[in-house]
């Protein structure tokens, strides 16, 4: 019974991440790359270079230094952009921002 409950709870998270991957592919992969390594086709012309999500190192977060950010931290940057960089306010829906944060969480 515990297994069934765990699967039922994990399914919505997997669906959020799946939609988040589609949103990421549309808006983010050109700079951050297909795998999130910060190596998209536009990355070579950007200073600072786009974040490598696979390293799990972030500047803007509410967590302690060296800890990974929360999904809320990731959503904040998705929604407002990153000052001093080429990262814009994406203008995506709240749902897409939440789903993209779930996807990015799988990369760290």
PDB file of N, CA and C in Angstrom:
ATOM      1  N   UNK A   1       0.819  -1.193   0.000  1.00  0.00           N
ATOM      2  CA  UNK A   1       0.000   0.000   0.000  1.00  0.00           C
ATOM      3  C   UNK A   1       0.869   1.265   0.000  1.00  0.00           C
ATOM      4  N   UNK A   2       1.964   1.264   0.779  1.00  0.00           N
ATOM      5  CA  UNK A   2       2.857   2.426   0.825  1.00  0.00           C
ATOM      6  C   UNK A   2       3.431   2.712  -0.556  1.00  0.00           C
ATOM      7  N   UNK A   3       3.758   1.647  -1.311  1.00  0.00           N
ATOM      8  CA  UNK A   3       4.305   1.809  -2.653  1.00  0.00           C
ATOM      9  C   UNK A   3       3.310   2.515  -3.572  1.00  0.00           C
ATOM     10  N   UNK A   4       2.056   2.129  -3.498  1.00  0.00           N
ATOM     11  CA  UNK A   4       1.009   2.734  -4.333  1.00  0.00           C
ATOM     12  C   UNK A   4       0.860   4.212  -3.999  1.00  0.00           C
ATOM     13  N   UNK A   5       0.884   4.553  -2.728  1.00  0.00           N
ATOM     14  CA  UNK A   5       0.770   5.957  -2.323  1.00  0.00           C
ATOM     15  C   UNK A   5       1.980   6.740  -2.816  1.00  0.00           C
ATOM     16  N   UNK A   6       3.177   6.169  -2.693  1.00  0.00           N
ATOM     17  CA  UNK A   6       4.391   6.846  -3.149  1.00  0.00           C
ATOM     18  C   UNK A   6       4.345   7.088  -4.653  1.00  0.00           C
ATOM     19  N   UNK A   7       3.894   6.105  -5.419  1.00  0.00           N
ATOM     20  CA  UNK A   7       3.784   6.261  -6.867  1.00  0.00           C
ATOM     21  C   UNK A   7       2.739   7.325  -7.208  1.00  0.00           C
ATOM     22  N   UNK A   8       1.634   7.309  -6.516  1.00  0.00           N
ATOM     23  CA  UNK A   8       0.572   8.290  -6.768  1.00  0.00           C
ATOM     24  C   UNK A   8       1.051   9.705  -6.470  1.00  0.00           C
ATOM     25  N   UNK A   9       1.864   9.891  -5.452  1.00  0.00           N
ATOM     26  CA  UNK A   9       2.388  11.218  -5.122  1.00  0.00           C
ATOM     27  C   UNK A   9       3.486  11.642  -6.087  1.00  0.00           C
ATOM     28  N   UNK A  10       4.273  10.699  -6.586  1.00  0.00           N
ATOM     29  CA  UNK A  10       5.367  11.010  -7.499  1.00  0.00           C
ATOM     30  C   UNK A  10       4.860  11.325  -8.906  1.00  0.00           C
ATOM     31  N   UNK A  11       3.738  10.780  -9.298  1.00  0.00           N
ATOM     32  CA  UNK A  11       3.225  10.982 -10.647  1.00  0.00           C
ATOM     33  C   UNK A  11       2.991  12.439 -10.981  1.00  0.00           C
ATOM     34  N   UNK A  12       2.313  13.222 -10.138  1.00  0.00           N
ATOM     35  CA  UNK A  12       2.137  14.631 -10.475  1.00  0.00           C
ATOM     36  C   UNK A  12       3.472  15.369 -10.619  1.00  0.00           C
ATOM     37  N   UNK A  13       4.447  15.059  -9.772  1.00  0.00           N
ATOM     38  CA  UNK A  13       5.760  15.705  -9.870  1.00  0.00           C
ATOM     39  C   UNK A  13       6.410  15.370 -11.209  1.00  0.00           C
ATOM     40  N   UNK A  14       6.281  14.118 -11.646  1.00  0.00           N
ATOM     41  CA  UNK A  14       6.852  13.720 -12.932  1.00  0.00           C
ATOM     42  C   UNK A  14       6.163  14.446 -14.085  1.00  0.00           C
ATOM     43  N   UNK A  15       4.859  14.644 -13.978  1.00  0.00           N
ATOM     44  CA  UNK A  15       4.132  15.369 -15.021  1.00  0.00           C
ATOM     45  C   UNK A  15       4.542  16.831 -15.060  1.00  0.00           C
ATOM     46  N   UNK A  16       4.765  17.445 -13.883  1.00  0.00           N
ATOM     47  CA  UNK A  16       5.238  18.829 -13.835  1.00  0.00           C
ATOM     48  C   UNK A  16       6.600  18.937 -14.521  1.00  0.00           C
ATOM     49  N   UNK A  17       7.497  18.008 -14.209  1.00  0.00           N
ATOM     50  CA  UNK A  17       8.831  18.038 -14.802  1.00  0.00           C
ATOM     51  C   UNK A  17       8.773  17.800 -16.305  1.00  0.00           C
ATOM     52  N   UNK A  18       7.869  16.944 -16.762  1.00  0.00           N
ATOM     53  CA  UNK A  18       7.742  16.677 -18.196  1.00  0.00           C
ATOM     54  C   UNK A  18       7.286  17.937 -18.928  1.00  0.00           C
ATOM     55  N   UNK A  19       6.279  18.621 -18.408  1.00  0.00           N
ATOM     56  CA  UNK A  19       5.846  19.884 -19.003  1.00  0.00           C
ATOM     57  C   UNK A  19       6.966  20.917 -18.888  1.00  0.00           C
ATOM     58  N   UNK A  20       7.668  20.915 -17.752  1.00  0.00           N
ATOM     59  CA  UNK A  20       8.776  21.843 -17.559  1.00  0.00           C
ATOM     60  C   UNK A  20       9.866  21.653 -18.576  1.00  0.00           C
ATOM     61  N   UNK A  21      10.133  20.427 -18.973  1.00  0.00           N
ATOM     62  CA  UNK A  21      11.137  20.139 -20.009  1.00  0.00           C
ATOM     63  C   UNK A  21      10.711  20.765 -21.332  1.00  0.00           C
ATOM     64  N   UNK A  22       9.437  20.660 -21.671  1.00  0.00           N
ATOM     65  CA  UNK A  22       8.942  21.252 -22.921  1.00  0.00           C
ATOM     66  C   UNK A  22       9.079  22.774 -22.885  1.00  0.00           C
ATOM     67  N   UNK A  23       8.752  23.388 -21.755  1.00  0.00           N
ATOM     68  CA  UNK A  23       8.886  24.845 -21.612  1.00  0.00           C
ATOM     69  C   UNK A  23      10.364  25.229 -21.667  1.00  0.00           C
ATOM     70  N   UNK A  24      11.214  24.474 -20.974  1.00  0.00           N
ATOM     71  CA  UNK A  24      12.665  24.703 -20.988  1.00  0.00           C
ATOM     72  C   UNK A  24      13.197  24.633 -22.417  1.00  0.00           C
ATOM     73  N   UNK A  25      12.800  23.605 -23.159  1.00  0.00           N
ATOM     74  CA  UNK A  25      13.274  23.452 -24.540  1.00  0.00           C
ATOM     75  C   UNK A  25      12.914  24.671 -25.385  1.00  0.00           C
ATOM     76  N   UNK A  26      11.740  25.223 -25.150  1.00  0.00           N
ATOM     77  CA  UNK A  26      11.278  26.374 -25.927  1.00  0.00           C
ATOM     78  C   UNK A  26      12.012  27.660 -25.553  1.00  0.00           C
ATOM     79  N   UNK A  27      12.174  27.926 -24.258  1.00  0.00           N
ATOM     80  CA  UNK A  27      12.666  29.221 -23.804  1.00  0.00           C
ATOM     81  C   UNK A  27      14.118  29.254 -23.336  1.00  0.00           C
ATOM     82  N   UNK A  28      14.672  28.121 -22.947  1.00  0.00           N
ATOM     83  CA  UNK A  28      15.952  28.138 -22.228  1.00  0.00           C
ATOM     84  C   UNK A  28      17.104  27.414 -22.916  1.00  0.00           C
ATOM     85  N   UNK A  29      16.811  26.384 -23.679  1.00  0.00           N
ATOM     86  CA  UNK A  29      17.883  25.540 -24.208  1.00  0.00           C
ATOM     87  C   UNK A  29      18.812  26.286 -25.156  1.00  0.00           C
ATOM     88  N   UNK A  30      18.343  27.338 -25.808  1.00  0.00           N
ATOM     89  CA  UNK A  30      19.209  28.092 -26.706  1.00  0.00           C
ATOM     90  C   UNK A  30      20.410  28.696 -26.005  1.00  0.00           C
ATOM     91  N   UNK A  31      20.262  29.010 -24.733  1.00  0.00           N
ATOM     92  CA  UNK A  31      21.374  29.570 -23.943  1.00  0.00           C
ATOM     93  C   UNK A  31      21.959  28.536 -22.985  1.00  0.00           C
ATOM     94  N   UNK A  32      21.081  27.820 -22.274  1.00  0.00           N
ATOM     95  CA  UNK A  32      21.540  26.888 -21.244  1.00  0.00           C
ATOM     96  C   UNK A  32      21.842  25.490 -21.788  1.00  0.00           C
ATOM     97  N   UNK A  33      21.531  25.223 -23.053  1.00  0.00           N
ATOM     98  CA  UNK A  33      21.827  23.930 -23.663  1.00  0.00           C
ATOM     99  C   UNK A  33      20.751  22.896 -23.421  1.00  0.00           C
ATOM    100  N   UNK A  34      20.772  21.861 -24.237  1.00  0.00           N
ATOM    101  CA  UNK A  34      19.767  20.802 -24.163  1.00  0.00           C
ATOM    102  C   UNK A  34      19.799  20.053 -22.838  1.00  0.00           C
ATOM    103  N   UNK A  35      20.974  19.929 -22.246  1.00  0.00           N
ATOM    104  CA  UNK A  35      21.110  19.182 -20.994  1.00  0.00           C
ATOM    105  C   UNK A  35      21.217  20.090 -19.775  1.00  0.00           C
ATOM    106  N   UNK A  36      21.160  21.418 -19.984  1.00  0.00           N
ATOM    107  CA  UNK A  36      21.259  22.355 -18.870  1.00  0.00           C
ATOM    108  C   UNK A  36      22.684  22.677 -18.454  1.00  0.00           C
ATOM    109  N   UNK A  37      23.657  22.323 -19.285  1.00  0.00           N
ATOM    110  CA  UNK A  37      25.065  22.506 -18.934  1.00  0.00           C
ATOM    111  C   UNK A  37      25.590  23.912 -19.251  1.00  0.00           C
ATOM    112  N   UNK A  38      24.711  24.821 -19.676  1.00  0.00           N
ATOM    113  CA  UNK A  38      25.144  26.187 -19.965  1.00  0.00           C
ATOM    114  C   UNK A  38      25.870  26.318 -21.291  1.00  0.00           C
ATOM    115  N   UNK A  39      25.647  25.367 -22.188  1.00  0.00           N
ATOM    116  CA  UNK A  39      26.394  25.324 -23.448  1.00  0.00           C
ATOM    117  C   UNK A  39      25.504  25.426 -24.688  1.00  0.00           C
ATOM    118  N   UNK A  40      24.413  26.174 -24.586  1.00  0.00           N
ATOM    119  CA  UNK A  40      23.531  26.367 -25.732  1.00  0.00           C
ATOM    120  C   UNK A  40      24.222  27.170 -26.827  1.00  0.00           C
ATOM    121  N   UNK A  41      23.633  27.202 -28.014  1.00  0.00           N
ATOM    122  CA  UNK A  41      24.271  27.884 -29.137  1.00  0.00           C
ATOM    123  C   UNK A  41      24.504  29.358 -28.878  1.00  0.00           C
ATOM    124  N   UNK A  42      23.699  30.002 -28.051  1.00  0.00           N
ATOM    125  CA  UNK A  42      23.880  31.416 -27.756  1.00  0.00           C
ATOM    126  C   UNK A  42      24.867  31.701 -26.646  1.00  0.00           C
ATOM    127  N   UNK A  43      25.312  30.684 -25.944  1.00  0.00           N
ATOM    128  CA  UNK A  43      26.131  30.880 -24.743  1.00  0.00           C
ATOM    129  C   UNK A  43      27.496  31.484 -25.018  1.00  0.00           C
ATOM    130  N   UNK A  44      28.064  31.209 -26.182  1.00  0.00           N
ATOM    131  CA  UNK A  44      29.413  31.681 -26.484  1.00  0.00           C
ATOM    132  C   UNK A  44      29.499  33.197 -26.581  1.00  0.00           C
ATOM    133  N   UNK A  45      28.379  33.846 -26.886  1.00  0.00           N
ATOM    134  CA  UNK A  45      28.367  35.301 -27.040  1.00  0.00           C
ATOM    135  C   UNK A  45      27.931  36.018 -25.770  1.00  0.00           C
ATOM    136  N   UNK A  46      27.727  35.305 -24.687  1.00  0.00           N
ATOM    137  CA  UNK A  46      27.192  35.908 -23.464  1.00  0.00           C
ATOM    138  C   UNK A  46      28.231  35.990 -22.353  1.00  0.00           C
ATOM    139  N   UNK A  47      28.264  37.133 -21.718  1.00  0.00           N
ATOM    140  CA  UNK A  47      29.071  37.325 -20.512  1.00  0.00           C
ATOM    141  C   UNK A  47      28.188  37.985 -19.477  1.00  0.00           C
ATOM    142  N   UNK A  48      27.972  37.419 -18.349  1.00  0.00           N
ATOM    143  CA  UNK A  48      28.475  36.101 -17.964  1.00  0.00           C
ATOM    144  C   UNK A  48      27.786  34.996 -18.752  1.00  0.00           C
ATOM    145  N   UNK A  49      28.463  33.862 -18.812  1.00  0.00           N
ATOM    146  CA  UNK A  49      27.902  32.706 -19.513  1.00  0.00           C
ATOM    147  C   UNK A  49      26.680  32.196 -18.756  1.00  0.00           C
ATOM    148  N   UNK A  50      25.752  31.582 -19.476  1.00  0.00           N
ATOM    149  CA  UNK A  50      24.548  31.044 -18.810  1.00  0.00           C
ATOM    150  C   UNK A  50      24.901  30.010 -17.736  1.00  0.00           C
ATOM    151  N   UNK A  51      24.080  29.942 -16.726  1.00  0.00           N
ATOM    152  CA  UNK A  51      24.257  29.009 -15.605  1.00  0.00           C
ATOM    153  C   UNK A  51      24.275  27.571 -16.098  1.00  0.00           C
ATOM    154  N   UNK A  52      25.173  26.770 -15.527  1.00  0.00           N
ATOM    155  CA  UNK A  52      25.222  25.326 -15.744  1.00  0.00           C
ATOM    156  C   UNK A  52      24.385  24.696 -14.632  1.00  0.00           C
ATOM    157  N   UNK A  53      23.164  24.318 -14.962  1.00  0.00           N
ATOM    158  CA  UNK A  53      22.245  23.776 -13.964  1.00  0.00           C
ATOM    159  C   UNK A  53      22.688  22.420 -13.424  1.00  0.00           C
ATOM    160  N   UNK A  54      23.514  21.712 -14.180  1.00  0.00           N
ATOM    161  CA  UNK A  54      23.917  20.367 -13.754  1.00  0.00           C
ATOM    162  C   UNK A  54      24.855  20.395 -12.551  1.00  0.00           C
ATOM    163  N   UNK A  55      25.480  21.542 -12.291  1.00  0.00           N
ATOM    164  CA  UNK A  55      26.391  21.662 -11.142  1.00  0.00           C
ATOM    165  C   UNK A  55      25.651  21.954  -9.842  1.00  0.00           C
ATOM    166  N   UNK A  56      24.424  22.465  -9.946  1.00  0.00           N
ATOM    167  CA  UNK A  56      23.639  22.776  -8.753  1.00  0.00           C
ATOM    168  C   UNK A  56      24.175  23.958  -7.962  1.00  0.00           C
ATOM    169  N   UNK A  57      24.938  24.841  -8.620  1.00  0.00           N
ATOM    170  CA  UNK A  57      25.499  26.019  -7.954  1.00  0.00           C
ATOM    171  C   UNK A  57      24.736  27.249  -8.436  1.00  0.00           C
ATOM    172  N   UNK A  58      24.163  27.983  -7.490  1.00  0.00           N
ATOM    173  CA  UNK A  58      23.333  29.138  -7.815  1.00  0.00           C
ATOM    174  C   UNK A  58      23.726  30.324  -6.944  1.00  0.00           C
ATOM    175  N   UNK A  59      23.664  31.521  -7.518  1.00  0.00           N
ATOM    176  CA  UNK A  59      23.978  32.736  -6.759  1.00  0.00           C
ATOM    177  C   UNK A  59      22.768  33.241  -5.976  1.00  0.00           C
ATOM    178  N   UNK A  60      21.598  33.206  -6.575  1.00  0.00           N
ATOM    179  CA  UNK A  60      20.394  33.753  -5.954  1.00  0.00           C
ATOM    180  C   UNK A  60      19.575  32.609  -5.363  1.00  0.00           C
ATOM    181  N   UNK A  61      19.490  32.580  -4.031  1.00  0.00           N
ATOM    182  CA  UNK A  61      18.739  31.521  -3.356  1.00  0.00           C
ATOM    183  C   UNK A  61      18.470  31.957  -1.918  1.00  0.00           C
ATOM    184  N   UNK A  62      17.501  31.338  -1.317  1.00  0.00           N
ATOM    185  CA  UNK A  62      17.196  31.620   0.089  1.00  0.00           C
ATOM    186  C   UNK A  62      17.852  30.600   1.009  1.00  0.00           C
ATOM    187  N   UNK A  63      18.486  29.609   0.435  1.00  0.00           N
ATOM    188  CA  UNK A  63      19.133  28.569   1.223  1.00  0.00           C
ATOM    189  C   UNK A  63      20.553  29.005   1.601  1.00  0.00           C
ATOM    190  N   UNK A  64      21.160  28.287   2.510  1.00  0.00           N
ATOM    191  CA  UNK A  64      22.513  28.612   2.962  1.00  0.00           C
ATOM    192  C   UNK A  64      23.530  28.404   1.838  1.00  0.00           C
ATOM    193  N   UNK A  65      24.663  29.080   1.956  1.00  0.00           N
ATOM    194  CA  UNK A  65      25.736  28.958   0.975  1.00  0.00           C
ATOM    195  C   UNK A  65      26.118  27.490   0.798  1.00  0.00           C
ATOM    196  N   UNK A  66      26.228  27.074  -0.452  1.00  0.00           N
ATOM    197  CA  UNK A  66      26.581  25.699  -0.758  1.00  0.00           C
ATOM    198  C   UNK A  66      25.392  24.762  -0.868  1.00  0.00           C
ATOM    199  N   UNK A  67      24.217  25.213  -0.463  1.00  0.00           N
ATOM    200  CA  UNK A  67      23.024  24.378  -0.576  1.00  0.00           C
ATOM    201  C   UNK A  67      22.294  24.692  -1.877  1.00  0.00           C
ATOM    202  N   UNK A  68      21.520  23.726  -2.349  1.00  0.00           N
ATOM    203  CA  UNK A  68      20.758  23.940  -3.573  1.00  0.00           C
ATOM    204  C   UNK A  68      19.569  24.860  -3.288  1.00  0.00           C
ATOM    205  N   UNK A  69      19.131  25.596  -4.297  1.00  0.00           N
ATOM    206  CA  UNK A  69      17.984  26.488  -4.090  1.00  0.00           C
ATOM    207  C   UNK A  69      16.683  25.707  -4.015  1.00  0.00           C
ATOM    208  N   UNK A  70      15.680  26.344  -3.480  1.00  0.00           N
ATOM    209  CA  UNK A  70      14.347  25.745  -3.454  1.00  0.00           C
ATOM    210  C   UNK A  70      13.691  25.950  -4.813  1.00  0.00           C
ATOM    211  N   UNK A  71      12.606  25.240  -5.060  1.00  0.00           N
ATOM    212  CA  UNK A  71      11.845  25.462  -6.295  1.00  0.00           C
ATOM    213  C   UNK A  71      11.324  26.896  -6.345  1.00  0.00           C
ATOM    214  N   UNK A  72      10.971  27.462  -5.185  1.00  0.00           N
ATOM    215  CA  UNK A  72      10.523  28.861  -5.151  1.00  0.00           C
ATOM    216  C   UNK A  72      11.642  29.800  -5.596  1.00  0.00           C
ATOM    217  N   UNK A  73      12.884  29.517  -5.198  1.00  0.00           N
ATOM    218  CA  UNK A  73      14.027  30.317  -5.649  1.00  0.00           C
ATOM    219  C   UNK A  73      14.153  30.267  -7.173  1.00  0.00           C
ATOM    220  N   UNK A  74      14.043  29.072  -7.723  1.00  0.00           N
ATOM    221  CA  UNK A  74      14.154  28.910  -9.175  1.00  0.00           C
ATOM    222  C   UNK A  74      13.009  29.620  -9.894  1.00  0.00           C
ATOM    223  N   UNK A  75      11.802  29.479  -9.375  1.00  0.00           N
ATOM    224  CA  UNK A  75      10.643  30.147  -9.984  1.00  0.00           C
ATOM    225  C   UNK A  75      10.822  31.653  -9.990  1.00  0.00           C
ATOM    226  N   UNK A  76      11.386  32.201  -8.919  1.00  0.00           N
ATOM    227  CA  UNK A  76      11.592  33.645  -8.840  1.00  0.00           C
ATOM    228  C   UNK A  76      12.461  34.137 -10.003  1.00  0.00           C
ATOM    229  N   UNK A  77      13.559  33.463 -10.275  1.00  0.00           N
ATOM    230  CA  UNK A  77      14.444  33.877 -11.367  1.00  0.00           C
ATOM    231  C   UNK A  77      13.754  33.671 -12.717  1.00  0.00           C
ATOM    232  N   UNK A  78      13.015  32.601 -12.863  1.00  0.00           N
ATOM    233  CA  UNK A  78      12.277  32.363 -14.111  1.00  0.00           C
ATOM    234  C   UNK A  78      11.283  33.499 -14.340  1.00  0.00           C
ATOM    235  N   UNK A  79      10.642  33.941 -13.275  1.00  0.00           N
ATOM    236  CA  UNK A  79       9.595  34.961 -13.397  1.00  0.00           C
ATOM    237  C   UNK A  79      10.128  36.380 -13.538  1.00  0.00           C
ATOM    238  N   UNK A  80      11.272  36.711 -12.914  1.00  0.00           N
ATOM    239  CA  UNK A  80      11.756  38.100 -12.956  1.00  0.00           C
ATOM    240  C   UNK A  80      13.071  38.279 -13.707  1.00  0.00           C
ATOM    241  N   UNK A  81      13.735  37.188 -14.063  1.00  0.00           N
ATOM    242  CA  UNK A  81      15.010  37.292 -14.751  1.00  0.00           C
ATOM    243  C   UNK A  81      16.169  37.435 -13.774  1.00  0.00           C
ATOM    244  N   UNK A  82      17.352  37.644 -14.329  1.00  0.00           N
ATOM    245  CA  UNK A  82      18.562  37.747 -13.510  1.00  0.00           C
ATOM    246  C   UNK A  82      19.273  39.054 -13.850  1.00  0.00           C
ATOM    247  N   UNK A  83      19.192  40.045 -12.962  1.00  0.00           N
ATOM    248  CA  UNK A  83      19.824  41.338 -13.226  1.00  0.00           C
ATOM    249  C   UNK A  83      21.320  41.193 -13.522  1.00  0.00           C
ATOM    250  N   UNK A  84      21.808  41.992 -14.461  1.00  0.00           N
ATOM    251  CA  UNK A  84      23.223  41.974 -14.807  1.00  0.00           C
ATOM    252  C   UNK A  84      23.624  40.864 -15.753  1.00  0.00           C
ATOM    253  N   UNK A  85      22.628  40.139 -16.264  1.00  0.00           N
ATOM    254  CA  UNK A  85      22.907  39.046 -17.204  1.00  0.00           C
ATOM    255  C   UNK A  85      21.943  39.161 -18.377  1.00  0.00           C
ATOM    256  N   UNK A  86      22.079  38.251 -19.319  1.00  0.00           N
ATOM    257  CA  UNK A  86      21.169  38.201 -20.464  1.00  0.00           C
ATOM    258  C   UNK A  86      19.869  37.457 -20.144  1.00  0.00           C
ATOM    259  N   UNK A  87      19.729  36.981 -18.908  1.00  0.00           N
ATOM    260  CA  UNK A  87      18.538  36.226 -18.514  1.00  0.00           C
ATOM    261  C   UNK A  87      17.365  37.178 -18.303  1.00  0.00           C
ATOM    262  N   UNK A  88      16.361  37.110 -19.224  1.00  0.00           N
ATOM    263  CA  UNK A  88      15.219  38.018 -19.111  1.00  0.00           C
ATOM    264  C   UNK A  88      14.095  37.448 -18.251  1.00  0.00           C
ATOM    265  N   UNK A  89      13.130  38.294 -17.974  1.00  0.00           N
ATOM    266  CA  UNK A  89      11.846  37.852 -17.435  1.00  0.00           C
ATOM    267  C   UNK A  89      11.208  37.081 -18.583  1.00  0.00           C
ATOM    268  N   UNK A  90      10.946  35.806 -18.407  1.00  0.00           N
ATOM    269  CA  UNK A  90      10.449  34.991 -19.520  1.00  0.00           C
ATOM    270  C   UNK A  90       8.991  35.243 -19.857  1.00  0.00           C
ATOM    271  N   UNK A  91       8.237  35.789 -18.923  1.00  0.00           N
ATOM    272  CA  UNK A  91       6.833  36.050 -19.199  1.00  0.00           C
ATOM    273  C   UNK A  91       6.005  34.790 -19.347  1.00  0.00           C
ATOM    274  N   UNK A  92       6.442  33.692 -18.742  1.00  0.00           N
ATOM    275  CA  UNK A  92       5.679  32.450 -18.820  1.00  0.00           C
ATOM    276  C   UNK A  92       4.607  32.447 -17.733  1.00  0.00           C
ATOM    277  N   UNK A  93       3.651  31.557 -17.876  1.00  0.00           N
ATOM    278  CA  UNK A  93       2.584  31.446 -16.879  1.00  0.00           C
ATOM    279  C   UNK A  93       3.143  30.927 -15.555  1.00  0.00           C
ATOM    280  N   UNK A  94       2.374  31.120 -14.504  1.00  0.00           N
ATOM    281  CA  UNK A  94       2.775  30.615 -13.183  1.00  0.00           C
ATOM    282  C   UNK A  94       2.956  29.101 -13.228  1.00  0.00           C
ATOM    283  N   UNK A  95       2.061  28.419 -13.922  1.00  0.00           N
ATOM    284  CA  UNK A  95       2.157  26.953 -14.047  1.00  0.00           C
ATOM    285  C   UNK A  95       3.431  26.557 -14.770  1.00  0.00           C
ATOM    286  N   UNK A  96       3.741  27.225 -15.893  1.00  0.00           N
ATOM    287  CA  UNK A  96       4.950  26.888 -16.636  1.00  0.00           C
ATOM    288  C   UNK A  96       6.204  27.169 -15.814  1.00  0.00           C
ATOM    289  N   UNK A  97       6.208  28.263 -15.039  1.00  0.00           N
ATOM    290  CA  UNK A  97       7.347  28.570 -14.171  1.00  0.00           C
ATOM    291  C   UNK A  97       7.515  27.482 -13.114  1.00  0.00           C
ATOM    292  N   UNK A  98       6.409  27.030 -12.516  1.00  0.00           N
ATOM    293  CA  UNK A  98       6.452  25.960 -11.512  1.00  0.00           C
ATOM    294  C   UNK A  98       6.963  24.664 -12.141  1.00  0.00           C
ATOM    295  N   UNK A  99       6.458  24.337 -13.324  1.00  0.00           N
ATOM    296  CA  UNK A  99       6.862  23.106 -13.988  1.00  0.00           C
ATOM    297  C   UNK A  99       8.331  23.158 -14.415  1.00  0.00           C
ATOM    298  N   UNK A 100       8.772  24.322 -14.886  1.00  0.00           N
ATOM    299  CA  UNK A 100      10.169  24.464 -15.274  1.00  0.00           C
ATOM    300  C   UNK A 100      11.086  24.323 -14.058  1.00  0.00           C
ATOM    301  N   UNK A 101      10.675  24.880 -12.925  1.00  0.00           N
ATOM    302  CA  UNK A 101      11.459  24.725 -11.693  1.00  0.00           C
ATOM    303  C   UNK A 101      11.554  23.251 -11.306  1.00  0.00           C
ATOM    304  N   UNK A 102      10.475  22.496 -11.481  1.00  0.00           N
ATOM    305  CA  UNK A 102      10.493  21.062 -11.193  1.00  0.00           C
ATOM    306  C   UNK A 102      11.472  20.357 -12.111  1.00  0.00           C
ATOM    307  N   UNK A 103      11.497  20.727 -13.379  1.00  0.00           N
ATOM    308  CA  UNK A 103      12.439  20.127 -14.328  1.00  0.00           C
ATOM    309  C   UNK A 103      13.876  20.478 -13.950  1.00  0.00           C
ATOM    310  N   UNK A 104      14.132  21.756 -13.648  1.00  0.00           N
ATOM    311  CA  UNK A 104      15.488  22.172 -13.285  1.00  0.00           C
ATOM    312  C   UNK A 104      15.957  21.451 -12.019  1.00  0.00           C
ATOM    313  N   UNK A 105      15.019  21.178 -11.113  1.00  0.00           N
ATOM    314  CA  UNK A 105      15.356  20.448  -9.909  1.00  0.00           C
ATOM    315  C   UNK A 105      15.878  19.051 -10.205  1.00  0.00           C
ATOM    316  N   UNK A 106      15.448  18.472 -11.304  1.00  0.00           N
ATOM    317  CA  UNK A 106      15.923  17.136 -11.689  1.00  0.00           C
ATOM    318  C   UNK A 106      17.338  17.177 -12.267  1.00  0.00           C
ATOM    319  N   UNK A 107      17.785  18.348 -12.703  1.00  0.00           N
ATOM    320  CA  UNK A 107      19.117  18.465 -13.307  1.00  0.00           C
ATOM    321  C   UNK A 107      20.224  18.580 -12.260  1.00  0.00           C
ATOM    322  N   UNK A 108      19.880  19.019 -11.043  1.00  0.00           N
ATOM    323  CA  UNK A 108      20.927  19.241 -10.030  1.00  0.00           C
ATOM    324  C   UNK A 108      21.251  17.971  -9.288  1.00  0.00           C
TER     325      UNK A 108
END
